[in-house]
Amino acid sequence: MVTNKDNTQESLHAARVRLFQILCALDSLGGKKLDQLEVEASLEELFVEPEAVAENGAEAESGETDADEESVLTRVPFADYRRSCEHACLVRRALPEIDALIETYSTEWKTERMSLVDRTIIRLALYEAVIAKKVPPGVALSEAVRLAKEYGSDDSSRFVNGVLARIVKALALS
């Protein structure tokens, strides 16, 4: 039986996945600075539910669907997408502070040497637990490991766990 708590946790996870995906897309732009409206406009077609559906319930006139994209990206109402973009902008503004933590406590791995996925997951977890203090460190670490298992390489979950555990321990947040 699925409980409301399970639904809430999955909903929060889905929002975190969307935020992670937006952050990965923005990271791939390099150091390009975008405000929230630019972020929203640049990725909207990937994340927002299309409003126009043919009368018979079929896909748009071409009949084509982006099956590969749909399996990875979940489309949501614009309001949910806008909240994710807002959070993405907050995370990006905090990157100097977040990356300084990583550089200080992850002496063997500099952020530029980390894979895009691992780096983004670590940054997101540190933002949530250390910068914004929105979630307890244990929850942030657990969610980061879950994301790493879902989107990273075979070694990502161990790597992400190790880096975050070292930082949390050093900051005495556990």
N, C-alpha and C. Protein backbone atom coordinates (compact mmCIF):
# COMPACT_ATOMS: atom_id res chain seq x y z
N MET A 1 0.83 -1.18 0.00
CA MET A 1 0.00 0.00 0.00
C MET A 1 0.88 1.25 0.00
N VAL A 2 0.57 2.20 -0.85
CA VAL A 2 1.31 3.45 -0.95
C VAL A 2 0.66 4.47 -0.03
N THR A 3 1.46 5.06 0.85
CA THR A 3 0.92 6.04 1.79
C THR A 3 1.19 7.44 1.30
N ASN A 4 0.53 8.40 1.96
CA ASN A 4 0.77 9.80 1.62
C ASN A 4 2.22 10.17 1.83
N LYS A 5 2.84 9.60 2.87
CA LYS A 5 4.26 9.87 3.14
C LYS A 5 5.11 9.40 1.96
N ASP A 6 4.81 8.20 1.43
CA ASP A 6 5.54 7.69 0.28
C ASP A 6 5.35 8.59 -0.93
N ASN A 7 4.11 9.03 -1.15
CA ASN A 7 3.82 9.93 -2.27
C ASN A 7 4.57 11.24 -2.12
N THR A 8 4.60 11.77 -0.91
CA THR A 8 5.30 13.03 -0.65
C THR A 8 6.80 12.86 -0.89
N GLN A 9 7.36 11.76 -0.41
CA GLN A 9 8.79 11.52 -0.61
C GLN A 9 9.12 11.36 -2.08
N GLU A 10 8.28 10.65 -2.82
CA GLU A 10 8.52 10.48 -4.25
C GLU A 10 8.35 11.80 -5.00
N SER A 11 7.39 12.61 -4.56
CA SER A 11 7.19 13.93 -5.16
C SER A 11 8.41 14.81 -4.92
N LEU A 12 8.93 14.79 -3.70
CA LEU A 12 10.13 15.56 -3.38
C LEU A 12 11.32 15.04 -4.18
N HIS A 13 11.41 13.73 -4.32
CA HIS A 13 12.51 13.15 -5.10
C HIS A 13 12.39 13.57 -6.57
N ALA A 14 11.17 13.53 -7.10
CA ALA A 14 10.96 13.94 -8.49
C ALA A 14 11.36 15.40 -8.69
N ALA A 15 11.04 16.26 -7.73
CA ALA A 15 11.43 17.67 -7.82
C ALA A 15 12.95 17.81 -7.75
N ARG A 16 13.58 17.00 -6.91
CA ARG A 16 15.04 17.04 -6.79
C ARG A 16 15.69 16.54 -8.08
N VAL A 17 15.12 15.50 -8.69
CA VAL A 17 15.64 14.99 -9.97
C VAL A 17 15.54 16.09 -11.02
N ARG A 18 14.40 16.77 -11.09
CA ARG A 18 14.22 17.85 -12.07
C ARG A 18 15.24 18.95 -11.82
N LEU A 19 15.45 19.32 -10.57
CA LEU A 19 16.45 20.34 -10.24
C LEU A 19 17.84 19.88 -10.65
N PHE A 20 18.16 18.64 -10.37
CA PHE A 20 19.45 18.05 -10.77
C PHE A 20 19.62 18.13 -12.29
N GLN A 21 18.58 17.77 -13.04
CA GLN A 21 18.66 17.79 -14.50
C GLN A 21 18.84 19.22 -15.03
N ILE A 22 18.14 20.16 -14.42
CA ILE A 22 18.29 21.57 -14.83
C ILE A 22 19.71 22.04 -14.53
N LEU A 23 20.22 21.70 -13.35
CA LEU A 23 21.59 22.11 -12.99
C LEU A 23 22.62 21.50 -13.94
N CYS A 24 22.42 20.24 -14.33
CA CYS A 24 23.35 19.61 -15.30
C CYS A 24 23.31 20.36 -16.62
N ALA A 25 22.12 20.69 -17.08
CA ALA A 25 21.99 21.40 -18.35
C ALA A 25 22.67 22.77 -18.26
N LEU A 26 22.49 23.45 -17.15
CA LEU A 26 23.11 24.78 -16.99
C LEU A 26 24.62 24.67 -16.86
N ASP A 27 25.11 23.64 -16.18
CA ASP A 27 26.55 23.44 -16.03
C ASP A 27 27.20 23.22 -17.39
N SER A 28 26.48 22.56 -18.28
CA SER A 28 27.05 22.29 -19.60
C SER A 28 27.21 23.56 -20.43
N LEU A 29 26.59 24.66 -19.98
CA LEU A 29 26.76 25.95 -20.66
C LEU A 29 28.05 26.65 -20.25
N GLY A 30 28.77 26.05 -19.33
CA GLY A 30 30.00 26.66 -18.83
C GLY A 30 29.68 27.75 -17.84
N GLY A 31 30.41 28.82 -17.87
CA GLY A 31 30.22 29.90 -16.92
C GLY A 31 29.18 30.92 -17.33
N LYS A 32 28.42 30.62 -18.37
CA LYS A 32 27.44 31.59 -18.87
C LYS A 32 26.42 31.92 -17.77
N LYS A 33 26.28 33.20 -17.49
CA LYS A 33 25.36 33.68 -16.46
C LYS A 33 23.98 33.89 -17.08
N LEU A 34 22.97 33.24 -16.50
CA LEU A 34 21.60 33.40 -16.94
C LEU A 34 20.74 33.79 -15.75
N ASP A 35 19.81 34.72 -15.96
CA ASP A 35 18.87 35.01 -14.87
C ASP A 35 17.74 33.98 -14.94
N GLN A 36 16.84 34.02 -13.97
CA GLN A 36 15.80 33.01 -13.89
C GLN A 36 14.93 32.96 -15.15
N LEU A 37 14.57 34.09 -15.69
CA LEU A 37 13.73 34.09 -16.89
C LEU A 37 14.45 33.45 -18.07
N GLU A 38 15.75 33.69 -18.19
CA GLU A 38 16.53 33.07 -19.27
C GLU A 38 16.64 31.56 -19.07
N VAL A 39 16.80 31.14 -17.81
CA VAL A 39 16.85 29.71 -17.52
C VAL A 39 15.52 29.07 -17.90
N GLU A 40 14.42 29.69 -17.46
CA GLU A 40 13.09 29.16 -17.77
C GLU A 40 12.89 29.03 -19.27
N ALA A 41 13.23 30.07 -20.01
CA ALA A 41 13.02 30.06 -21.45
C ALA A 41 13.89 29.03 -22.15
N SER A 42 15.11 28.84 -21.68
CA SER A 42 16.04 27.97 -22.39
C SER A 42 15.70 26.48 -22.25
N LEU A 43 15.04 26.08 -21.19
CA LEU A 43 14.79 24.65 -20.95
C LEU A 43 13.31 24.28 -20.89
N GLU A 44 12.45 25.26 -21.06
CA GLU A 44 11.02 25.04 -20.89
C GLU A 44 10.48 23.89 -21.72
N GLU A 45 10.87 23.80 -22.97
CA GLU A 45 10.30 22.77 -23.84
C GLU A 45 10.67 21.35 -23.40
N LEU A 46 11.73 21.22 -22.61
CA LEU A 46 12.12 19.90 -22.12
C LEU A 46 11.34 19.46 -20.90
N PHE A 47 10.89 20.41 -20.08
CA PHE A 47 10.33 20.07 -18.78
C PHE A 47 8.85 20.37 -18.59
N VAL A 48 8.29 21.27 -19.38
CA VAL A 48 6.91 21.71 -19.15
C VAL A 48 5.95 20.92 -20.01
N GLU A 49 4.84 20.52 -19.38
CA GLU A 49 3.79 19.80 -20.10
C GLU A 49 3.30 20.65 -21.26
N PRO A 50 3.18 20.07 -22.44
CA PRO A 50 2.63 20.85 -23.55
C PRO A 50 1.14 21.10 -23.29
N GLU A 51 0.71 22.31 -23.61
CA GLU A 51 -0.69 22.66 -23.36
C GLU A 51 -1.59 22.22 -24.50
N ALA A 52 -1.05 22.21 -25.72
CA ALA A 52 -1.86 21.88 -26.88
C ALA A 52 -1.72 20.39 -27.22
N VAL A 53 -2.84 19.69 -27.12
CA VAL A 53 -2.88 18.28 -27.51
C VAL A 53 -4.00 18.16 -28.52
N ALA A 54 -3.78 17.38 -29.56
CA ALA A 54 -4.81 17.22 -30.59
C ALA A 54 -6.11 16.74 -29.96
N GLU A 55 -7.24 17.08 -30.57
CA GLU A 55 -8.55 16.76 -30.02
C GLU A 55 -8.74 15.29 -29.74
N ASN A 56 -8.18 14.43 -30.57
CA ASN A 56 -8.37 13.00 -30.37
C ASN A 56 -7.43 12.42 -29.31
N GLY A 57 -6.69 13.27 -28.64
CA GLY A 57 -5.79 12.81 -27.59
C GLY A 57 -4.45 12.35 -28.11
N ALA A 58 -4.25 12.39 -29.41
CA ALA A 58 -2.98 11.97 -29.99
C ALA A 58 -1.96 13.09 -29.83
N GLU A 59 -0.74 12.75 -30.13
CA GLU A 59 0.31 13.75 -30.08
C GLU A 59 0.08 14.78 -31.17
N ALA A 60 0.83 15.83 -31.15
CA ALA A 60 0.71 16.91 -32.14
C ALA A 60 0.70 16.34 -33.55
N GLU A 61 0.37 17.17 -34.51
CA GLU A 61 0.13 16.76 -35.89
C GLU A 61 1.18 15.83 -36.47
N SER A 62 2.42 16.01 -36.14
CA SER A 62 3.47 15.17 -36.73
C SER A 62 3.34 13.72 -36.28
N GLY A 63 2.68 13.52 -35.13
CA GLY A 63 2.52 12.17 -34.61
C GLY A 63 3.78 11.65 -33.95
N GLU A 64 4.83 12.45 -33.93
CA GLU A 64 6.08 12.02 -33.34
C GLU A 64 6.11 12.35 -31.87
N THR A 65 6.74 11.49 -31.11
CA THR A 65 6.97 11.77 -29.69
C THR A 65 8.45 11.67 -29.43
N ASP A 66 8.86 12.31 -28.41
CA ASP A 66 10.26 12.22 -27.99
C ASP A 66 10.37 11.12 -26.95
N ALA A 67 10.21 9.89 -27.35
CA ALA A 67 10.18 8.77 -26.41
C ALA A 67 11.45 8.71 -25.57
N ASP A 68 12.60 8.94 -26.19
CA ASP A 68 13.84 8.88 -25.42
C ASP A 68 13.87 9.98 -24.37
N GLU A 69 13.50 11.20 -24.75
CA GLU A 69 13.48 12.30 -23.79
C GLU A 69 12.44 12.06 -22.72
N GLU A 70 11.26 11.58 -23.10
CA GLU A 70 10.18 11.37 -22.15
C GLU A 70 10.58 10.37 -21.07
N SER A 71 11.39 9.38 -21.42
CA SER A 71 11.77 8.38 -20.44
C SER A 71 12.73 8.94 -19.40
N VAL A 72 13.41 10.01 -19.72
CA VAL A 72 14.38 10.59 -18.80
C VAL A 72 13.82 11.83 -18.11
N LEU A 73 13.14 12.68 -18.86
CA LEU A 73 12.62 13.92 -18.33
C LEU A 73 11.11 13.81 -18.12
N THR A 74 10.65 14.17 -16.94
CA THR A 74 9.24 14.16 -16.65
C THR A 74 8.72 15.57 -16.84
N ARG A 75 7.70 15.70 -17.65
CA ARG A 75 7.11 17.01 -17.90
C ARG A 75 6.15 17.35 -16.78
N VAL A 76 6.17 18.60 -16.37
CA VAL A 76 5.37 19.07 -15.23
C VAL A 76 4.68 20.38 -15.59
N PRO A 77 3.71 20.79 -14.78
CA PRO A 77 3.10 22.11 -15.00
C PRO A 77 4.15 23.21 -14.88
N PHE A 78 3.90 24.32 -15.56
CA PHE A 78 4.88 25.41 -15.59
C PHE A 78 5.22 25.92 -14.19
N ALA A 79 4.25 25.97 -13.28
CA ALA A 79 4.52 26.47 -11.92
C ALA A 79 5.57 25.61 -11.21
N ASP A 80 5.49 24.29 -11.38
CA ASP A 80 6.50 23.40 -10.77
C ASP A 80 7.87 23.62 -11.41
N TYR A 81 7.86 23.77 -12.72
CA TYR A 81 9.11 24.04 -13.45
C TYR A 81 9.71 25.36 -13.00
N ARG A 82 8.89 26.38 -12.86
CA ARG A 82 9.38 27.70 -12.43
C ARG A 82 10.04 27.60 -11.04
N ARG A 83 9.44 26.84 -10.12
CA ARG A 83 10.05 26.67 -8.78
C ARG A 83 11.41 25.99 -8.91
N SER A 84 11.50 24.99 -9.78
CA SER A 84 12.79 24.30 -9.98
C SER A 84 13.83 25.26 -10.55
N CYS A 85 13.43 26.10 -11.48
CA CYS A 85 14.36 27.09 -12.05
C CYS A 85 14.81 28.09 -11.00
N GLU A 86 13.89 28.49 -10.15
CA GLU A 86 14.24 29.42 -9.07
C GLU A 86 15.28 28.79 -8.15
N HIS A 87 15.06 27.51 -7.79
CA HIS A 87 16.03 26.82 -6.94
C HIS A 87 17.37 26.65 -7.66
N ALA A 88 17.32 26.36 -8.95
CA ALA A 88 18.56 26.20 -9.72
C ALA A 88 19.37 27.50 -9.70
N CYS A 89 18.70 28.62 -9.83
CA CYS A 89 19.40 29.91 -9.79
C CYS A 89 20.01 30.17 -8.42
N LEU A 90 19.31 29.77 -7.36
CA LEU A 90 19.85 29.93 -6.00
C LEU A 90 21.09 29.06 -5.81
N VAL A 91 21.04 27.83 -6.30
CA VAL A 91 22.20 26.94 -6.21
C VAL A 91 23.37 27.54 -6.99
N ARG A 92 23.10 28.01 -8.20
CA ARG A 92 24.19 28.57 -9.02
C ARG A 92 24.81 29.81 -8.39
N ARG A 93 24.01 30.63 -7.72
CA ARG A 93 24.57 31.81 -7.03
C ARG A 93 25.48 31.40 -5.88
N ALA A 94 25.21 30.25 -5.30
CA ALA A 94 26.00 29.78 -4.16
C ALA A 94 27.20 28.93 -4.58
N LEU A 95 27.41 28.75 -5.88
CA LEU A 95 28.50 27.88 -6.34
C LEU A 95 29.89 28.26 -5.82
N PRO A 96 30.24 29.55 -5.74
CA PRO A 96 31.57 29.85 -5.20
C PRO A 96 31.76 29.30 -3.77
N GLU A 97 30.75 29.45 -2.95
CA GLU A 97 30.83 28.95 -1.58
C GLU A 97 30.82 27.41 -1.55
N ILE A 98 29.97 26.82 -2.36
CA ILE A 98 29.87 25.35 -2.42
C ILE A 98 31.18 24.76 -2.93
N ASP A 99 31.70 25.31 -4.03
CA ASP A 99 32.95 24.79 -4.59
C ASP A 99 34.13 25.00 -3.65
N ALA A 100 34.10 26.06 -2.87
CA ALA A 100 35.16 26.27 -1.88
C ALA A 100 35.14 25.15 -0.83
N LEU A 101 33.94 24.74 -0.42
CA LEU A 101 33.83 23.61 0.51
C LEU A 101 34.40 22.33 -0.11
N ILE A 102 34.03 22.09 -1.35
CA ILE A 102 34.52 20.89 -2.03
C ILE A 102 36.04 20.93 -2.15
N GLU A 103 36.58 22.06 -2.56
CA GLU A 103 38.03 22.19 -2.73
C GLU A 103 38.77 22.03 -1.39
N THR A 104 38.16 22.53 -0.32
CA THR A 104 38.79 22.45 1.00
C THR A 104 38.82 21.03 1.54
N TYR A 105 37.70 20.31 1.42
CA TYR A 105 37.58 19.02 2.07
C TYR A 105 37.73 17.82 1.15
N SER A 106 37.80 18.04 -0.12
CA SER A 106 38.01 16.95 -1.07
C SER A 106 39.36 17.18 -1.73
N THR A 107 40.41 16.98 -0.97
CA THR A 107 41.75 17.35 -1.40
C THR A 107 42.23 16.59 -2.63
N GLU A 108 41.73 15.38 -2.83
CA GLU A 108 42.19 14.60 -3.98
C GLU A 108 41.37 14.84 -5.23
N TRP A 109 40.21 15.46 -5.11
CA TRP A 109 39.32 15.66 -6.25
C TRP A 109 38.87 17.11 -6.32
N LYS A 110 39.35 17.80 -7.31
CA LYS A 110 38.90 19.17 -7.57
C LYS A 110 37.62 19.10 -8.39
N THR A 111 36.79 20.11 -8.27
CA THR A 111 35.49 20.07 -8.95
C THR A 111 35.63 19.89 -10.46
N GLU A 112 36.62 20.50 -11.06
CA GLU A 112 36.75 20.39 -12.52
C GLU A 112 37.14 18.98 -12.97
N ARG A 113 37.67 18.16 -12.06
CA ARG A 113 38.03 16.78 -12.40
C ARG A 113 36.87 15.82 -12.22
N MET A 114 35.84 16.25 -11.50
CA MET A 114 34.68 15.39 -11.24
C MET A 114 33.80 15.32 -12.49
N SER A 115 33.10 14.21 -12.62
CA SER A 115 32.15 14.11 -13.73
C SER A 115 31.03 15.13 -13.51
N LEU A 116 30.37 15.51 -14.57
CA LEU A 116 29.26 16.46 -14.48
C LEU A 116 28.20 15.96 -13.50
N VAL A 117 27.85 14.70 -13.59
CA VAL A 117 26.81 14.13 -12.72
C VAL A 117 27.24 14.18 -11.26
N ASP A 118 28.42 13.67 -10.96
CA ASP A 118 28.89 13.64 -9.57
C ASP A 118 29.01 15.06 -8.99
N ARG A 119 29.60 15.95 -9.75
CA ARG A 119 29.78 17.33 -9.31
C ARG A 119 28.43 18.00 -9.03
N THR A 120 27.47 17.78 -9.90
CA THR A 120 26.16 18.40 -9.74
C THR A 120 25.44 17.84 -8.52
N ILE A 121 25.52 16.55 -8.32
CA ILE A 121 24.88 15.92 -7.16
C ILE A 121 25.50 16.43 -5.86
N ILE A 122 26.81 16.51 -5.81
CA ILE A 122 27.49 16.99 -4.61
C ILE A 122 27.13 18.44 -4.34
N ARG A 123 27.13 19.25 -5.37
CA ARG A 123 26.76 20.67 -5.21
C ARG A 123 25.34 20.81 -4.69
N LEU A 124 24.42 20.05 -5.24
CA LEU A 124 23.02 20.13 -4.82
C LEU A 124 22.87 19.72 -3.36
N ALA A 125 23.50 18.64 -2.98
CA ALA A 125 23.42 18.18 -1.59
C ALA A 125 24.01 19.21 -0.63
N LEU A 126 25.14 19.77 -0.98
CA LEU A 126 25.76 20.79 -0.11
C LEU A 126 24.89 22.04 -0.03
N TYR A 127 24.28 22.42 -1.14
CA TYR A 127 23.39 23.58 -1.09
C TYR A 127 22.24 23.31 -0.12
N GLU A 128 21.58 22.16 -0.28
CA GLU A 128 20.41 21.86 0.55
C GLU A 128 20.76 21.73 2.03
N ALA A 129 21.88 21.10 2.35
CA ALA A 129 22.22 20.81 3.74
C ALA A 129 23.04 21.90 4.42
N VAL A 130 23.95 22.51 3.70
CA VAL A 130 24.90 23.43 4.33
C VAL A 130 24.55 24.90 4.07
N ILE A 131 24.24 25.23 2.85
CA ILE A 131 24.00 26.63 2.49
C ILE A 131 22.58 27.05 2.88
N ALA A 132 21.57 26.38 2.32
CA ALA A 132 20.18 26.75 2.57
C ALA A 132 19.65 26.13 3.86
N LYS A 133 20.30 25.06 4.30
CA LYS A 133 19.86 24.33 5.50
C LYS A 133 18.39 23.93 5.40
N LYS A 134 18.01 23.45 4.19
CA LYS A 134 16.63 23.04 3.94
C LYS A 134 16.37 21.60 4.37
N VAL A 135 17.40 20.79 4.37
CA VAL A 135 17.25 19.39 4.77
C VAL A 135 18.40 19.00 5.69
N PRO A 136 18.15 18.04 6.59
CA PRO A 136 19.24 17.57 7.44
C PRO A 136 20.34 16.94 6.60
N PRO A 137 21.59 17.04 7.04
CA PRO A 137 22.70 16.48 6.27
C PRO A 137 22.52 15.01 5.91
N GLY A 138 21.99 14.21 6.81
CA GLY A 138 21.78 12.79 6.53
C GLY A 138 20.82 12.57 5.38
N VAL A 139 19.78 13.38 5.33
CA VAL A 139 18.80 13.27 4.24
C VAL A 139 19.44 13.71 2.93
N ALA A 140 20.18 14.81 2.95
CA ALA A 140 20.86 15.29 1.75
C ALA A 140 21.84 14.24 1.22
N LEU A 141 22.58 13.62 2.13
CA LEU A 141 23.55 12.60 1.74
C LEU A 141 22.82 11.38 1.15
N SER A 142 21.75 10.95 1.79
CA SER A 142 20.98 9.81 1.30
C SER A 142 20.39 10.08 -0.08
N GLU A 143 19.83 11.27 -0.27
CA GLU A 143 19.27 11.63 -1.57
C GLU A 143 20.37 11.74 -2.64
N ALA A 144 21.52 12.24 -2.25
CA ALA A 144 22.64 12.35 -3.19
C ALA A 144 23.09 10.97 -3.65
N VAL A 145 23.19 10.05 -2.73
CA VAL A 145 23.58 8.68 -3.09
C VAL A 145 22.53 8.06 -4.01
N ARG A 146 21.26 8.31 -3.72
CA ARG A 146 20.18 7.79 -4.57
C ARG A 146 20.30 8.34 -6.00
N LEU A 147 20.52 9.66 -6.12
CA LEU A 147 20.70 10.26 -7.44
C LEU A 147 21.92 9.67 -8.15
N ALA A 148 22.99 9.48 -7.40
CA ALA A 148 24.21 8.93 -8.00
C ALA A 148 23.99 7.51 -8.52
N LYS A 149 23.21 6.72 -7.80
CA LYS A 149 22.89 5.37 -8.26
C LYS A 149 22.03 5.41 -9.52
N GLU A 150 21.11 6.38 -9.58
CA GLU A 150 20.19 6.48 -10.71
C GLU A 150 20.85 7.06 -11.95
N TYR A 151 21.75 8.04 -11.78
CA TYR A 151 22.25 8.79 -12.94
C TYR A 151 23.76 8.71 -13.14
N GLY A 152 24.49 8.24 -12.16
CA GLY A 152 25.94 8.24 -12.26
C GLY A 152 26.51 6.93 -12.76
N SER A 153 27.81 6.85 -12.68
CA SER A 153 28.53 5.64 -13.09
C SER A 153 28.44 4.60 -11.97
N ASP A 154 29.04 3.45 -12.20
CA ASP A 154 29.03 2.39 -11.19
C ASP A 154 29.68 2.83 -9.88
N ASP A 155 30.66 3.73 -9.97
CA ASP A 155 31.38 4.17 -8.77
C ASP A 155 30.83 5.47 -8.18
N SER A 156 29.88 6.09 -8.84
CA SER A 156 29.40 7.41 -8.41
C SER A 156 28.84 7.43 -7.00
N SER A 157 28.04 6.44 -6.64
CA SER A 157 27.41 6.49 -5.32
C SER A 157 28.45 6.45 -4.21
N ARG A 158 29.48 5.62 -4.37
CA ARG A 158 30.54 5.56 -3.36
C ARG A 158 31.34 6.87 -3.32
N PHE A 159 31.64 7.39 -4.49
CA PHE A 159 32.40 8.64 -4.57
C PHE A 159 31.63 9.79 -3.93
N VAL A 160 30.37 9.96 -4.32
CA VAL A 160 29.53 11.04 -3.79
C VAL A 160 29.39 10.89 -2.28
N ASN A 161 29.12 9.68 -1.82
CA ASN A 161 28.99 9.43 -0.39
C ASN A 161 30.28 9.81 0.35
N GLY A 162 31.42 9.41 -0.20
CA GLY A 162 32.70 9.69 0.45
C GLY A 162 32.99 11.18 0.55
N VAL A 163 32.79 11.90 -0.54
CA VAL A 163 33.05 13.35 -0.54
C VAL A 163 32.12 14.05 0.44
N LEU A 164 30.83 13.75 0.35
CA LEU A 164 29.87 14.43 1.23
C LEU A 164 30.06 14.06 2.70
N ALA A 165 30.34 12.79 2.97
CA ALA A 165 30.56 12.37 4.36
C ALA A 165 31.77 13.09 4.96
N ARG A 166 32.83 13.25 4.17
CA ARG A 166 34.02 13.96 4.64
C ARG A 166 33.69 15.42 4.98
N ILE A 167 32.92 16.06 4.13
CA ILE A 167 32.56 17.47 4.36
C ILE A 167 31.64 17.59 5.57
N VAL A 168 30.63 16.73 5.65
CA VAL A 168 29.69 16.78 6.78
C VAL A 168 30.44 16.55 8.09
N LYS A 169 31.33 15.58 8.10
CA LYS A 169 32.11 15.28 9.32
C LYS A 169 33.00 16.47 9.69
N ALA A 170 33.66 17.06 8.69
CA ALA A 170 34.55 18.18 8.95
C ALA A 170 33.79 19.39 9.49
N LEU A 171 32.57 19.58 9.00
CA LEU A 171 31.76 20.70 9.46
C LEU A 171 30.95 20.35 10.71
N ALA A 172 31.10 19.11 11.17
CA ALA A 172 30.40 18.61 12.36
C ALA A 172 28.89 18.83 12.24
N LEU A 173 28.33 18.42 11.09
CA LEU A 173 26.90 18.60 10.85
C LEU A 173 26.09 17.34 11.11
N SER A 174 26.73 16.22 11.36
CA SER A 174 25.97 14.99 11.48
C SER A 174 25.25 14.87 12.80
